[in-house]
Amino acid sequence: GLQPKIEKIIKNEIIIYRVIIGPYNSEEEANQESIKLKKLGFDNIVKTY
């Protein structure tokens, strides 16, 4: 599939990884992918269609 784009954001010395996934054909497909990423430990996921 498509490689997720990972942005590293540093706020007040706290590192946040924002993952941008997509574009996907449907919300269902995007949700499946975000569930997989959440299991890998990513929690800030931006979905694009």
PDB file of N, CA and C in Angstrom:
ATOM      1  N   GLY A   1       0.826  -1.207   0.000  1.00  0.00           N
ATOM      2  CA  GLY A   1       0.000   0.000   0.000  1.00  0.00           C
ATOM      3  C   GLY A   1       0.850   1.242   0.000  1.00  0.00           C
ATOM      4  N   LEU A   2       0.198   2.338   0.279  1.00  0.00           N
ATOM      5  CA  LEU A   2       0.901   3.614   0.306  1.00  0.00           C
ATOM      6  C   LEU A   2       1.678   3.749   1.598  1.00  0.00           C
ATOM      7  N   GLN A   3       2.828   4.369   1.508  1.00  0.00           N
ATOM      8  CA  GLN A   3       3.609   4.609   2.719  1.00  0.00           C
ATOM      9  C   GLN A   3       3.018   5.798   3.453  1.00  0.00           C
ATOM     10  N   PRO A   4       2.804   5.659   4.754  1.00  0.00           N
ATOM     11  CA  PRO A   4       2.331   6.827   5.493  1.00  0.00           C
ATOM     12  C   PRO A   4       3.439   7.865   5.593  1.00  0.00           C
ATOM     13  N   LYS A   5       3.041   9.127   5.574  1.00  0.00           N
ATOM     14  CA  LYS A   5       3.987  10.220   5.710  1.00  0.00           C
ATOM     15  C   LYS A   5       4.013  10.566   7.186  1.00  0.00           C
ATOM     16  N   ILE A   6       5.190  10.600   7.773  1.00  0.00           N
ATOM     17  CA  ILE A   6       5.276  10.871   9.200  1.00  0.00           C
ATOM     18  C   ILE A   6       5.936  12.221   9.416  1.00  0.00           C
ATOM     19  N   GLU A   7       5.228  13.126  10.089  1.00  0.00           N
ATOM     20  CA  GLU A   7       5.789  14.427  10.419  1.00  0.00           C
ATOM     21  C   GLU A   7       6.214  14.404  11.865  1.00  0.00           C
ATOM     22  N   LYS A   8       7.381  14.948  12.126  1.00  0.00           N
ATOM     23  CA  LYS A   8       7.860  15.024  13.504  1.00  0.00           C
ATOM     24  C   LYS A   8       7.655  16.461  13.958  1.00  0.00           C
ATOM     25  N   ILE A   9       6.844  16.639  14.983  1.00  0.00           N
ATOM     26  CA  ILE A   9       6.543  17.969  15.495  1.00  0.00           C
ATOM     27  C   ILE A   9       7.102  18.051  16.902  1.00  0.00           C
ATOM     28  N   ILE A  10       7.883  19.096  17.171  1.00  0.00           N
ATOM     29  CA  ILE A  10       8.417  19.242  18.523  1.00  0.00           C
ATOM     30  C   ILE A  10       7.762  20.451  19.176  1.00  0.00           C
ATOM     31  N   LYS A  11       7.035  20.189  20.263  1.00  0.00           N
ATOM     32  CA  LYS A  11       6.340  21.251  20.996  1.00  0.00           C
ATOM     33  C   LYS A  11       6.790  21.205  22.435  1.00  0.00           C
ATOM     34  N   ASN A  12       7.339  22.304  22.914  1.00  0.00           N
ATOM     35  CA  ASN A  12       7.794  22.364  24.310  1.00  0.00           C
ATOM     36  C   ASN A  12       8.636  21.148  24.669  1.00  0.00           C
ATOM     37  N   GLU A  13       9.557  20.805  23.787  1.00  0.00           N
ATOM     38  CA  GLU A  13      10.462  19.672  23.985  1.00  0.00           C
ATOM     39  C   GLU A  13       9.756  18.322  24.025  1.00  0.00           C
ATOM     40  N   ILE A  14       8.472  18.291  23.673  1.00  0.00           N
ATOM     41  CA  ILE A  14       7.768  17.012  23.555  1.00  0.00           C
ATOM     42  C   ILE A  14       7.688  16.702  22.065  1.00  0.00           C
ATOM     43  N   ILE A  15       8.094  15.509  21.714  1.00  0.00           N
ATOM     44  CA  ILE A  15       8.064  15.135  20.304  1.00  0.00           C
ATOM     45  C   ILE A  15       6.738  14.454  19.990  1.00  0.00           C
ATOM     46  N   ILE A  16       6.054  14.976  18.979  1.00  0.00           N
ATOM     47  CA  ILE A  16       4.794  14.393  18.520  1.00  0.00           C
ATOM     48  C   ILE A  16       5.030  13.912  17.095  1.00  0.00           C
ATOM     49  N   TYR A  17       4.637  12.687  16.828  1.00  0.00           N
ATOM     50  CA  TYR A  17       4.689  12.200  15.459  1.00  0.00           C
ATOM     51  C   TYR A  17       3.284  12.250  14.898  1.00  0.00           C
ATOM     52  N   ARG A  18       3.117  12.997  13.805  1.00  0.00           N
ATOM     53  CA  ARG A  18       1.811  13.038  13.171  1.00  0.00           C
ATOM     54  C   ARG A  18       1.910  12.222  11.892  1.00  0.00           C
ATOM     55  N   VAL A  19       1.010  11.294  11.768  1.00  0.00           N
ATOM     56  CA  VAL A  19       1.047  10.392  10.623  1.00  0.00           C
ATOM     57  C   VAL A  19      -0.053  10.792   9.657  1.00  0.00           C
ATOM     58  N   ILE A  20       0.328  11.017   8.407  1.00  0.00           N
ATOM     59  CA  ILE A  20      -0.665  11.347   7.390  1.00  0.00           C
ATOM     60  C   ILE A  20      -0.766  10.156   6.456  1.00  0.00           C
ATOM     61  N   ILE A  21      -1.948   9.566   6.406  1.00  0.00           N
ATOM     62  CA  ILE A  21      -2.142   8.389   5.568  1.00  0.00           C
ATOM     63  C   ILE A  21      -3.111   8.720   4.441  1.00  0.00           C
ATOM     64  N   GLY A  22      -2.959   8.025   3.346  1.00  0.00           N
ATOM     65  CA  GLY A  22      -3.884   8.228   2.248  1.00  0.00           C
ATOM     66  C   GLY A  22      -3.142   8.770   1.029  1.00  0.00           C
ATOM     67  N   PRO A  23      -3.856   9.151  -0.007  1.00  0.00           N
ATOM     68  CA  PRO A  23      -5.319   9.146  -0.068  1.00  0.00           C
ATOM     69  C   PRO A  23      -5.897   7.732  -0.255  1.00  0.00           C
ATOM     70  N   TYR A  24      -7.050   7.531   0.318  1.00  0.00           N
ATOM     71  CA  TYR A  24      -7.730   6.247   0.212  1.00  0.00           C
ATOM     72  C   TYR A  24      -9.019   6.403  -0.570  1.00  0.00           C
ATOM     73  N   ASN A  25      -9.505   5.264  -1.055  1.00  0.00           N
ATOM     74  CA  ASN A  25     -10.739   5.269  -1.837  1.00  0.00           C
ATOM     75  C   ASN A  25     -11.959   5.489  -0.968  1.00  0.00           C
ATOM     76  N   SER A  26     -11.881   5.061   0.280  1.00  0.00           N
ATOM     77  CA  SER A  26     -13.056   5.150   1.128  1.00  0.00           C
ATOM     78  C   SER A  26     -12.648   5.379   2.567  1.00  0.00           C
ATOM     79  N   GLU A  27     -13.600   5.813   3.357  1.00  0.00           N
ATOM     80  CA  GLU A  27     -13.350   6.010   4.773  1.00  0.00           C
ATOM     81  C   GLU A  27     -13.049   4.675   5.437  1.00  0.00           C
ATOM     82  N   GLU A  28     -13.734   3.632   4.969  1.00  0.00           N
ATOM     83  CA  GLU A  28     -13.535   2.284   5.516  1.00  0.00           C
ATOM     84  C   GLU A  28     -12.071   1.867   5.387  1.00  0.00           C
ATOM     85  N   GLU A  29     -11.518   2.079   4.209  1.00  0.00           N
ATOM     86  CA  GLU A  29     -10.131   1.709   3.936  1.00  0.00           C
ATOM     87  C   GLU A  29      -9.175   2.513   4.820  1.00  0.00           C
ATOM     88  N   ALA A  30      -9.459   3.789   4.972  1.00  0.00           N
ATOM     89  CA  ALA A  30      -8.618   4.647   5.808  1.00  0.00           C
ATOM     90  C   ALA A  30      -8.694   4.220   7.269  1.00  0.00           C
ATOM     91  N   ASN A  31      -9.889   3.845   7.714  1.00  0.00           N
ATOM     92  CA  ASN A  31     -10.046   3.415   9.106  1.00  0.00           C
ATOM     93  C   ASN A  31      -9.275   2.131   9.377  1.00  0.00           C
ATOM     94  N   GLN A  32      -9.318   1.194   8.439  1.00  0.00           N
ATOM     95  CA  GLN A  32      -8.565  -0.057   8.579  1.00  0.00           C
ATOM     96  C   GLN A  32      -7.088   0.249   8.773  1.00  0.00           C
ATOM     97  N   GLU A  33      -6.575   1.143   7.945  1.00  0.00           N
ATOM     98  CA  GLU A  33      -5.164   1.485   7.981  1.00  0.00           C
ATOM     99  C   GLU A  33      -4.805   2.198   9.279  1.00  0.00           C
ATOM    100  N   SER A  34      -5.692   3.071   9.744  1.00  0.00           N
ATOM    101  CA  SER A  34      -5.377   3.805  10.966  1.00  0.00           C
ATOM    102  C   SER A  34      -5.410   2.882  12.181  1.00  0.00           C
ATOM    103  N   ILE A  35      -6.263   1.851  12.140  1.00  0.00           N
ATOM    104  CA  ILE A  35      -6.286   0.873  13.235  1.00  0.00           C
ATOM    105  C   ILE A  35      -4.948   0.137  13.284  1.00  0.00           C
ATOM    106  N   LYS A  36      -4.432  -0.220  12.113  1.00  0.00           N
ATOM    107  CA  LYS A  36      -3.127  -0.893  12.058  1.00  0.00           C
ATOM    108  C   LYS A  36      -2.040   0.000  12.648  1.00  0.00           C
ATOM    109  N   LEU A  37      -2.059   1.279  12.273  1.00  0.00           N
ATOM    110  CA  LEU A  37      -1.036   2.209  12.760  1.00  0.00           C
ATOM    111  C   LEU A  37      -1.159   2.452  14.255  1.00  0.00           C
ATOM    112  N   LYS A  38      -2.389   2.501  14.753  1.00  0.00           N
ATOM    113  CA  LYS A  38      -2.578   2.680  16.201  1.00  0.00           C
ATOM    114  C   LYS A  38      -1.957   1.526  16.967  1.00  0.00           C
ATOM    115  N   LYS A  39      -2.080   0.318  16.410  1.00  0.00           N
ATOM    116  CA  LYS A  39      -1.472  -0.850  17.054  1.00  0.00           C
ATOM    117  C   LYS A  39       0.048  -0.737  17.082  1.00  0.00           C
ATOM    118  N   LEU A  40       0.610  -0.017  16.102  1.00  0.00           N
ATOM    119  CA  LEU A  40       2.054   0.187  16.068  1.00  0.00           C
ATOM    120  C   LEU A  40       2.481   1.320  16.997  1.00  0.00           C
ATOM    121  N   GLY A  41       1.508   2.007  17.582  1.00  0.00           N
ATOM    122  CA  GLY A  41       1.837   3.025  18.559  1.00  0.00           C
ATOM    123  C   GLY A  41       1.669   4.454  18.083  1.00  0.00           C
ATOM    124  N   PHE A  42       1.190   4.642  16.860  1.00  0.00           N
ATOM    125  CA  PHE A  42       0.925   6.004  16.401  1.00  0.00           C
ATOM    126  C   PHE A  42      -0.464   6.396  16.861  1.00  0.00           C
ATOM    127  N   ASP A  43      -0.596   7.589  17.425  1.00  0.00           N
ATOM    128  CA  ASP A  43      -1.936   7.950  17.884  1.00  0.00           C
ATOM    129  C   ASP A  43      -2.468   9.222  17.245  1.00  0.00           C
ATOM    130  N   ASN A  44      -1.603  10.014  16.629  1.00  0.00           N
ATOM    131  CA  ASN A  44      -2.079  11.254  16.029  1.00  0.00           C
ATOM    132  C   ASN A  44      -2.127  11.057  14.517  1.00  0.00           C
ATOM    133  N   ILE A  45      -3.246  10.563  14.032  1.00  0.00           N
ATOM    134  CA  ILE A  45      -3.334  10.168  12.634  1.00  0.00           C
ATOM    135  C   ILE A  45      -4.270  11.098  11.872  1.00  0.00           C
ATOM    136  N   VAL A  46      -3.760  11.652  10.779  1.00  0.00           N
ATOM    137  CA  VAL A  46      -4.558  12.522   9.932  1.00  0.00           C
ATOM    138  C   VAL A  46      -4.901  11.729   8.681  1.00  0.00           C
ATOM    139  N   LYS A  47      -6.194  11.546   8.430  1.00  0.00           N
ATOM    140  CA  LYS A  47      -6.605  10.752   7.278  1.00  0.00           C
ATOM    141  C   LYS A  47      -6.917  11.665   6.097  1.00  0.00           C
ATOM    142  N   THR A  48      -6.461  11.270   4.919  1.00  0.00           N
ATOM    143  CA  THR A  48      -6.802  12.028   3.722  1.00  0.00           C
ATOM    144  C   THR A  48      -7.486  11.098   2.727  1.00  0.00           C
ATOM    145  N   TYR A  49      -8.388  11.694   1.930  1.00  0.00           N
ATOM    146  CA  TYR A  49      -9.096  10.900   0.923  1.00  0.00           C
ATOM    147  C   TYR A  49      -8.778  11.441  -0.454  1.00  0.00           C
TER     148      TYR A  49
END
